[in-house]
């Protein structure tokens, strides 16, 4: 019985250790997105003006070749993929930050 309790505690501690970095990364990505003014039109789970980022992650799941296309779309703006709304160019965020955010968005499901 004591072994079972011990193993349960170890399992819960391991799960918490795995979840903490994910939560920290998500918080950092949301902070970067907010500073880059992405959150004006986007949200992780809800469609605002632009698509929910989870929907973007799902649409492009398993398509790593799309990363650079999305980076350019954020940098230069564009439209027609998610409806009639046009995405404004976001050069102020900087290409390195855009690339980090796009990579993160592509991991969302």
N, C-alpha and C. Protein backbone atom coordinates (compact mmCIF):
# COMPACT_ATOMS: atom_id res chain seq x y z
N UNK A 1 0.83 -1.20 0.00
CA UNK A 1 0.00 0.00 0.00
C UNK A 1 0.87 1.26 0.00
N UNK A 2 1.94 1.26 0.84
CA UNK A 2 2.83 2.42 0.90
C UNK A 2 3.53 2.64 -0.44
N UNK A 3 3.88 1.55 -1.11
CA UNK A 3 4.52 1.66 -2.41
C UNK A 3 3.58 2.30 -3.42
N UNK A 4 2.31 1.93 -3.38
CA UNK A 4 1.32 2.49 -4.29
C UNK A 4 1.16 3.99 -4.06
N UNK A 5 1.12 4.41 -2.82
CA UNK A 5 1.01 5.84 -2.48
C UNK A 5 2.25 6.58 -2.95
N UNK A 6 3.42 5.98 -2.70
CA UNK A 6 4.68 6.58 -3.11
C UNK A 6 4.72 6.76 -4.63
N UNK A 7 4.34 5.72 -5.38
CA UNK A 7 4.35 5.80 -6.84
C UNK A 7 3.35 6.83 -7.34
N UNK A 8 2.21 6.95 -6.68
CA UNK A 8 1.21 7.95 -7.06
C UNK A 8 1.77 9.35 -6.85
N UNK A 9 2.45 9.56 -5.76
CA UNK A 9 3.06 10.87 -5.48
C UNK A 9 4.12 11.19 -6.53
N UNK A 10 4.95 10.22 -6.87
CA UNK A 10 5.98 10.42 -7.89
C UNK A 10 5.34 10.76 -9.23
N UNK A 11 4.29 10.05 -9.59
CA UNK A 11 3.61 10.30 -10.85
C UNK A 11 3.01 11.71 -10.89
N UNK A 12 2.36 12.11 -9.81
CA UNK A 12 1.78 13.45 -9.76
C UNK A 12 2.86 14.53 -9.82
N UNK A 13 3.97 14.31 -9.16
CA UNK A 13 5.07 15.28 -9.19
C UNK A 13 5.65 15.37 -10.60
N UNK A 14 5.78 14.25 -11.28
CA UNK A 14 6.30 14.26 -12.65
C UNK A 14 5.35 15.00 -13.58
N UNK A 15 4.06 14.77 -13.43
CA UNK A 15 3.08 15.47 -14.26
C UNK A 15 3.13 16.97 -14.03
N UNK A 16 3.27 17.38 -12.77
CA UNK A 16 3.36 18.81 -12.45
C UNK A 16 4.63 19.41 -13.04
N UNK A 17 5.72 18.67 -13.00
CA UNK A 17 6.99 19.16 -13.55
C UNK A 17 6.90 19.33 -15.06
N UNK A 18 6.17 18.47 -15.72
CA UNK A 18 6.00 18.57 -17.17
C UNK A 18 5.07 19.73 -17.51
N UNK A 19 4.00 19.90 -16.75
CA UNK A 19 3.00 20.94 -17.02
C UNK A 19 3.55 22.34 -16.78
N UNK A 20 4.42 22.50 -15.79
CA UNK A 20 4.92 23.83 -15.43
C UNK A 20 5.66 24.51 -16.59
N UNK A 21 6.61 23.83 -17.26
CA UNK A 21 7.28 24.50 -18.39
C UNK A 21 6.32 24.86 -19.52
N UNK A 22 5.32 24.01 -19.79
CA UNK A 22 4.35 24.33 -20.83
C UNK A 22 3.57 25.58 -20.47
N UNK A 23 3.16 25.68 -19.21
CA UNK A 23 2.42 26.86 -18.76
C UNK A 23 3.30 28.11 -18.82
N UNK A 24 4.57 27.97 -18.43
CA UNK A 24 5.50 29.10 -18.49
C UNK A 24 5.72 29.55 -19.93
N UNK A 25 5.86 28.57 -20.85
CA UNK A 25 6.07 28.92 -22.25
C UNK A 25 4.83 29.60 -22.82
N UNK A 26 3.65 29.08 -22.51
CA UNK A 26 2.42 29.69 -23.00
C UNK A 26 2.30 31.12 -22.50
N UNK A 27 2.60 31.34 -21.23
CA UNK A 27 2.52 32.69 -20.67
C UNK A 27 3.51 33.62 -21.38
N UNK A 28 4.71 33.13 -21.64
CA UNK A 28 5.72 33.94 -22.33
C UNK A 28 5.28 34.25 -23.76
N UNK A 29 4.69 33.27 -24.43
CA UNK A 29 4.23 33.49 -25.81
C UNK A 29 3.07 34.48 -25.85
N UNK A 30 2.16 34.37 -24.90
CA UNK A 30 1.03 35.31 -24.85
C UNK A 30 1.51 36.72 -24.54
N UNK A 31 2.52 36.84 -23.70
CA UNK A 31 3.09 38.15 -23.39
C UNK A 31 3.75 38.74 -24.64
N UNK A 32 4.52 37.93 -25.36
CA UNK A 32 5.15 38.39 -26.59
C UNK A 32 4.09 38.79 -27.62
N UNK A 33 3.04 37.99 -27.75
CA UNK A 33 1.96 38.29 -28.69
C UNK A 33 1.26 39.59 -28.31
N UNK A 34 1.05 39.79 -27.03
CA UNK A 34 0.40 41.01 -26.57
C UNK A 34 1.28 42.23 -26.85
N UNK A 35 2.57 42.13 -26.56
CA UNK A 35 3.50 43.22 -26.83
C UNK A 35 3.60 43.52 -28.33
N UNK A 36 3.40 42.49 -29.15
CA UNK A 36 3.49 42.65 -30.60
C UNK A 36 2.16 43.06 -31.21
N UNK A 37 1.16 43.28 -30.37
CA UNK A 37 -0.19 43.70 -30.76
C UNK A 37 -0.95 42.66 -31.57
N UNK A 38 -0.58 41.41 -31.43
CA UNK A 38 -1.30 40.33 -32.11
C UNK A 38 -2.66 40.08 -31.46
N UNK A 39 -2.73 40.33 -30.15
CA UNK A 39 -3.93 40.00 -29.39
C UNK A 39 -5.10 40.94 -29.70
N UNK A 40 -4.85 41.98 -30.45
CA UNK A 40 -5.93 42.87 -30.87
C UNK A 40 -6.89 42.13 -31.79
N UNK A 41 -6.36 41.25 -32.62
CA UNK A 41 -7.18 40.54 -33.62
C UNK A 41 -7.23 39.03 -33.41
N UNK A 42 -6.38 38.49 -32.53
CA UNK A 42 -6.31 37.03 -32.36
C UNK A 42 -6.42 36.64 -30.90
N UNK A 43 -6.84 35.39 -30.69
CA UNK A 43 -6.90 34.76 -29.38
C UNK A 43 -6.50 33.31 -29.58
N UNK A 44 -6.12 32.64 -28.52
CA UNK A 44 -5.75 31.24 -28.64
C UNK A 44 -6.96 30.40 -29.02
N UNK A 45 -8.08 30.64 -28.36
CA UNK A 45 -9.24 29.75 -28.52
C UNK A 45 -10.44 30.36 -29.23
N UNK A 46 -10.49 31.65 -29.37
CA UNK A 46 -11.67 32.30 -29.96
C UNK A 46 -11.30 33.09 -31.21
N UNK A 47 -12.17 33.04 -32.20
CA UNK A 47 -12.00 33.87 -33.38
C UNK A 47 -12.41 35.29 -33.01
N UNK A 48 -11.55 36.23 -33.25
CA UNK A 48 -11.88 37.64 -33.02
C UNK A 48 -12.03 38.23 -34.41
N UNK A 49 -11.06 38.99 -34.85
CA UNK A 49 -11.05 39.45 -36.25
C UNK A 49 -10.35 38.40 -37.10
N UNK A 50 -9.26 37.88 -36.57
CA UNK A 50 -8.52 36.81 -37.24
C UNK A 50 -8.83 35.47 -36.59
N UNK A 51 -8.35 34.40 -37.17
CA UNK A 51 -8.67 33.06 -36.66
C UNK A 51 -8.06 32.80 -35.28
N UNK A 52 -8.71 31.92 -34.53
CA UNK A 52 -8.14 31.45 -33.27
C UNK A 52 -6.86 30.68 -33.60
N UNK A 53 -5.84 30.88 -32.80
CA UNK A 53 -4.56 30.25 -33.09
C UNK A 53 -4.62 28.74 -33.00
N UNK A 54 -5.49 28.21 -32.16
CA UNK A 54 -5.64 26.76 -32.10
C UNK A 54 -6.16 26.23 -33.44
N UNK A 55 -7.05 26.99 -34.08
CA UNK A 55 -7.55 26.60 -35.40
C UNK A 55 -6.43 26.63 -36.44
N UNK A 56 -5.55 27.61 -36.34
CA UNK A 56 -4.40 27.68 -37.25
C UNK A 56 -3.51 26.45 -37.04
N UNK A 57 -3.22 26.14 -35.78
CA UNK A 57 -2.40 24.96 -35.48
C UNK A 57 -3.01 23.69 -36.03
N UNK A 58 -4.32 23.55 -35.88
CA UNK A 58 -5.00 22.35 -36.39
C UNK A 58 -4.96 22.30 -37.92
N UNK A 59 -5.22 23.43 -38.56
CA UNK A 59 -5.26 23.45 -40.03
C UNK A 59 -3.92 23.05 -40.63
N UNK A 60 -2.83 23.50 -40.03
CA UNK A 60 -1.51 23.27 -40.61
C UNK A 60 -0.73 22.15 -39.91
N UNK A 61 -1.42 21.34 -39.12
CA UNK A 61 -0.78 20.22 -38.43
C UNK A 61 -0.09 19.31 -39.45
N UNK A 62 1.16 18.98 -39.18
CA UNK A 62 1.90 18.08 -40.06
C UNK A 62 2.38 18.72 -41.35
N UNK A 63 2.35 20.06 -41.41
CA UNK A 63 2.80 20.76 -42.62
C UNK A 63 3.90 21.77 -42.25
N UNK A 64 5.09 21.29 -41.92
CA UNK A 64 6.16 22.21 -41.48
C UNK A 64 6.57 23.21 -42.56
N UNK A 65 6.30 22.89 -43.81
CA UNK A 65 6.68 23.79 -44.90
C UNK A 65 5.91 25.10 -44.88
N UNK A 66 4.82 25.15 -44.13
CA UNK A 66 3.98 26.35 -44.11
C UNK A 66 4.52 27.42 -43.15
N UNK A 67 5.46 27.05 -42.30
CA UNK A 67 5.97 28.00 -41.29
C UNK A 67 6.45 29.30 -41.93
N UNK A 68 7.29 29.22 -42.91
CA UNK A 68 7.85 30.44 -43.52
C UNK A 68 6.76 31.24 -44.23
N UNK A 69 5.79 30.57 -44.82
CA UNK A 69 4.67 31.27 -45.46
C UNK A 69 3.88 32.08 -44.43
N UNK A 70 3.65 31.48 -43.26
CA UNK A 70 2.91 32.19 -42.21
C UNK A 70 3.72 33.35 -41.64
N UNK A 71 5.02 33.16 -41.51
CA UNK A 71 5.89 34.26 -41.04
C UNK A 71 5.76 35.44 -42.00
N UNK A 72 5.83 35.16 -43.29
CA UNK A 72 5.71 36.24 -44.29
C UNK A 72 4.32 36.86 -44.27
N UNK A 73 3.29 36.06 -44.05
CA UNK A 73 1.91 36.58 -43.99
C UNK A 73 1.76 37.55 -42.82
N UNK A 74 2.34 37.20 -41.67
CA UNK A 74 2.27 38.10 -40.51
C UNK A 74 3.07 39.37 -40.80
N UNK A 75 4.24 39.21 -41.35
CA UNK A 75 5.12 40.34 -41.63
C UNK A 75 4.52 41.29 -42.66
N UNK A 76 3.99 40.74 -43.75
CA UNK A 76 3.52 41.55 -44.87
C UNK A 76 2.01 41.78 -44.90
N UNK A 77 1.26 40.98 -44.15
CA UNK A 77 -0.20 41.06 -44.20
C UNK A 77 -0.74 40.21 -45.34
N UNK A 78 -2.05 40.09 -45.40
CA UNK A 78 -2.66 39.31 -46.47
C UNK A 78 -4.07 38.91 -46.09
N UNK A 79 -4.71 38.16 -46.94
CA UNK A 79 -6.07 37.75 -46.67
C UNK A 79 -6.53 36.65 -47.58
N UNK A 80 -7.80 36.28 -47.40
CA UNK A 80 -8.42 35.31 -48.26
C UNK A 80 -8.37 33.87 -47.79
N UNK A 81 -7.58 33.57 -46.80
CA UNK A 81 -7.45 32.19 -46.33
C UNK A 81 -8.50 31.86 -45.28
N UNK A 82 -8.84 32.83 -44.43
CA UNK A 82 -9.77 32.60 -43.31
C UNK A 82 -11.04 33.41 -43.47
N UNK A 83 -11.35 33.82 -44.65
CA UNK A 83 -12.55 34.63 -44.88
C UNK A 83 -12.19 35.95 -45.51
N UNK A 84 -13.11 36.89 -45.40
CA UNK A 84 -12.95 38.17 -46.08
C UNK A 84 -12.04 39.15 -45.34
N UNK A 85 -11.79 38.93 -44.07
CA UNK A 85 -10.95 39.85 -43.29
C UNK A 85 -9.53 39.87 -43.84
N UNK A 86 -8.92 41.05 -43.83
CA UNK A 86 -7.55 41.24 -44.27
C UNK A 86 -6.66 41.40 -43.06
N UNK A 87 -5.55 40.71 -43.04
CA UNK A 87 -4.59 40.84 -41.94
C UNK A 87 -3.62 41.95 -42.26
N UNK A 88 -3.55 42.92 -41.37
CA UNK A 88 -2.60 44.02 -41.53
C UNK A 88 -1.17 43.51 -41.35
N UNK A 89 -0.24 44.15 -42.03
CA UNK A 89 1.17 43.82 -41.85
C UNK A 89 1.59 44.14 -40.42
N UNK A 90 2.51 43.35 -39.89
CA UNK A 90 2.99 43.59 -38.53
C UNK A 90 4.51 43.58 -38.52
N UNK A 91 5.10 44.57 -39.11
CA UNK A 91 6.56 44.67 -39.17
C UNK A 91 7.16 45.10 -37.83
N UNK A 92 6.35 45.75 -36.99
CA UNK A 92 6.88 46.24 -35.71
C UNK A 92 7.28 45.11 -34.77
N UNK A 93 6.68 43.93 -34.95
CA UNK A 93 7.00 42.81 -34.07
C UNK A 93 8.40 42.27 -34.33
N UNK A 94 8.88 42.43 -35.53
CA UNK A 94 10.21 41.92 -35.89
C UNK A 94 10.13 40.47 -36.33
N UNK A 95 10.89 40.14 -37.34
CA UNK A 95 10.81 38.81 -37.93
C UNK A 95 11.18 37.69 -36.96
N UNK A 96 12.13 37.93 -36.07
CA UNK A 96 12.52 36.89 -35.11
C UNK A 96 11.38 36.58 -34.15
N UNK A 97 10.71 37.62 -33.65
CA UNK A 97 9.57 37.41 -32.76
C UNK A 97 8.40 36.74 -33.50
N UNK A 98 8.19 37.16 -34.72
CA UNK A 98 7.12 36.55 -35.52
C UNK A 98 7.40 35.06 -35.71
N UNK A 99 8.63 34.73 -36.02
CA UNK A 99 8.99 33.33 -36.23
C UNK A 99 8.76 32.51 -34.96
N UNK A 100 9.14 33.05 -33.81
CA UNK A 100 8.92 32.36 -32.54
C UNK A 100 7.43 32.13 -32.30
N UNK A 101 6.63 33.16 -32.53
CA UNK A 101 5.19 33.05 -32.32
C UNK A 101 4.55 32.06 -33.29
N UNK A 102 4.93 32.11 -34.55
CA UNK A 102 4.37 31.18 -35.54
C UNK A 102 4.71 29.74 -35.16
N UNK A 103 5.95 29.49 -34.76
CA UNK A 103 6.33 28.13 -34.35
C UNK A 103 5.48 27.66 -33.18
N UNK A 104 5.24 28.54 -32.23
CA UNK A 104 4.41 28.19 -31.08
C UNK A 104 2.96 27.92 -31.53
N UNK A 105 2.42 28.80 -32.34
CA UNK A 105 1.04 28.64 -32.81
C UNK A 105 0.87 27.31 -33.53
N UNK A 106 1.86 26.92 -34.30
CA UNK A 106 1.77 25.65 -35.03
C UNK A 106 1.80 24.42 -34.13
N UNK A 107 2.14 24.60 -32.85
CA UNK A 107 2.10 23.47 -31.90
C UNK A 107 0.74 23.34 -31.23
N UNK A 108 -0.12 24.34 -31.38
CA UNK A 108 -1.41 24.34 -30.68
C UNK A 108 -2.39 23.39 -31.38
N UNK A 109 -3.18 22.71 -30.60
CA UNK A 109 -4.23 21.82 -31.13
C UNK A 109 -5.49 21.98 -30.31
